[in-house]
Protein backbone atom coordinates (compact mmCIF):
# COMPACT_ATOMS: atom_id res chain seq x y z
CA ASN A 1 -0.04 -0.08 0.12
CA LEU A 2 1.88 3.20 -1.28
CA GLN A 3 1.13 6.33 0.32
CA VAL A 4 2.43 9.41 -0.68
CA ARG A 5 3.52 11.79 2.36
CA GLN A 6 5.11 14.62 0.65
CA GLN A 7 5.17 16.56 -2.98
CA ARG A 8 7.79 19.30 -3.41
CA THR A 9 8.25 21.33 -6.78
CA ARG A 10 10.07 24.56 -6.43
CA PHE A 11 10.46 26.94 -9.16
CA GLU A 12 10.39 24.41 -11.99
CA LYS A 13 7.70 26.42 -13.64
CA VAL A 14 5.01 23.56 -13.53
CA GLY A 15 1.66 24.90 -15.14
CA GLY A 16 -2.03 24.21 -15.18
CA GLN A 17 -4.39 23.88 -12.62
CA LEU A 18 -4.44 21.90 -9.33
CA PRO A 19 -6.50 18.73 -10.00
CA LYS A 20 -9.55 17.85 -7.79
CA THR A 21 -8.07 14.58 -7.33
CA ILE A 22 -5.32 16.41 -4.86
CA GLY A 23 -8.06 15.70 -2.08
CA LYS A 24 -7.17 11.93 -2.35
CA LEU A 25 -3.61 12.73 -1.16
CA TRP A 26 -5.04 12.13 2.75
CA ALA A 27 -1.87 10.95 4.24
CA VAL A 28 0.53 13.94 2.58
CA ARG A 29 1.90 16.30 5.19
CA GLU A 30 3.67 18.88 3.23
CA ILE A 31 2.81 20.35 -0.59
CA GLN A 32 5.35 23.11 -1.51
CA MET A 33 4.42 24.30 -5.03
CA TRP A 34 5.31 27.87 -4.63
CA GLY A 35 6.66 29.73 -7.45
CA ASN A 36 5.15 27.99 -10.26
CA ASN A 37 2.79 28.84 -12.89
CA LEU A 38 -0.35 27.22 -11.31
CA GLU A 39 -3.59 28.84 -12.30
CA GLY A 40 -7.32 28.69 -11.67
CA SER A 41 -8.82 28.18 -8.20
CA ILE A 42 -7.93 25.96 -5.23
CA PRO A 43 -9.93 22.99 -5.39
CA ALA A 44 -12.39 22.42 -2.62
CA GLU A 45 -11.42 19.15 -2.54
CA ILE A 46 -8.18 19.74 -1.11
CA SER A 47 -9.88 19.61 2.20
CA GLY A 48 -9.47 15.98 1.90
CA CYS A 49 -5.62 16.31 2.68
CA VAL A 50 -6.47 16.23 6.51
CA ALA A 51 -2.97 15.26 7.27
CA LEU A 52 -1.64 18.45 5.77
CA GLU A 53 0.91 20.31 7.85
CA THR A 54 2.53 22.84 5.18
CA LEU A 55 0.72 24.08 2.36
CA GLY A 56 2.93 26.32 0.07
CA LEU A 57 1.20 27.86 -3.18
CA SER A 58 2.57 31.51 -3.09
CA THR A 59 3.70 33.36 -6.22
CA ASN A 60 1.40 31.54 -8.70
CA ARG A 61 -1.43 32.66 -10.89
CA LEU A 62 -4.08 31.29 -8.57
CA SER A 63 -7.55 33.06 -8.29
CA GLY A 64 -10.88 32.81 -6.90
CA PRO A 65 -11.80 32.08 -3.14
CA VAL A 66 -9.57 30.07 -0.86
CA PRO A 67 -11.68 27.01 0.05
CA GLU A 68 -13.14 27.17 3.66
CA GLY A 69 -11.89 23.30 4.02
CA ILE A 70 -8.60 24.91 4.59
CA TRP A 71 -9.39 26.13 7.96
CA LYS A 72 -12.15 23.98 8.86
CA SER A 73 -10.64 20.54 7.88
CA MET A 74 -6.96 20.73 8.25
CA PRO A 75 -6.24 20.69 12.00
CA ASN A 76 -2.76 19.99 11.71
CA LEU A 77 -1.84 22.77 9.29
CA SER A 78 0.89 24.63 10.95
CA SER A 79 2.21 26.59 7.88
CA LEU A 80 0.34 28.28 4.99
CA SER A 81 1.55 30.25 2.47
CA LEU A 82 -0.89 31.65 -0.37
CA PHE A 83 0.44 35.02 -0.77
CA GLN A 84 -0.02 35.84 -4.79
CA SER A 85 1.49 38.90 -6.70
CA THR A 86 -2.34 39.75 -7.73
CA ASP A 87 -5.23 40.12 -5.72
CA GLU A 88 -7.08 37.57 -7.99
CA LEU A 89 -6.80 34.85 -4.95
CA TYR A 90 -8.59 35.84 -1.89
CA ILE A 91 -9.80 34.71 1.43
CA SER A 92 -13.13 35.58 3.32
CA ARG A 93 -12.79 37.68 6.36
CA GLU A 94 -14.12 34.90 8.31
CA GLY A 95 -11.47 32.56 7.04
CA ALA A 96 -8.59 34.96 7.65
CA GLU A 97 -9.76 35.67 11.57
CA ALA A 98 -10.45 31.76 12.06
CA LEU A 99 -6.60 31.36 10.68
CA LYS A 100 -5.04 33.97 12.52
CA THR A 101 -6.77 32.92 15.94
CA ARG A 102 -5.14 29.60 15.87
CA ASN A 103 -1.85 29.60 17.88
CA GLN A 104 -0.25 26.53 16.00
CA PHE A 105 1.04 28.67 12.91
CA LYS A 106 4.84 29.02 12.41
CA LYS A 107 4.26 30.64 9.07
CA LEU A 108 1.18 32.34 7.99
CA LYS A 109 1.11 34.24 4.74
CA LEU A 110 -2.64 35.16 3.25
CA PRO A 111 -3.88 36.54 0.30
CA SER A 112 -5.95 39.61 0.00
CA ILE A 113 -8.98 39.34 2.25
CA ARG A 114 -12.36 40.28 1.18
CA ASP A 115 -15.96 40.46 2.85
CA ALA A 116 -17.98 37.13 1.99
């Protein structure tokens, strides 16, 4: 039984969209895909990554709302980096506050904040 626990790609210019099947990586602890050419939205299915401790998707071309599963379904998340160079990716004010009140974060870089 093969379990992927970590996926890293850094500055390798990976393009395209994050697949909805990313949520099947329930045992993955770290996803670092910052500095690539990812575009589109973060799929809501990412909330299936319940063991995730680190999620790094900064400096891509992601857009749309950050799925609420990131702050509701990932209790182990302690490093979150979603900053983008544009304001097209955003998090709700409720989501930003929920994440900021957690005391477990070592790193927290959020995109623009908007009212829901």
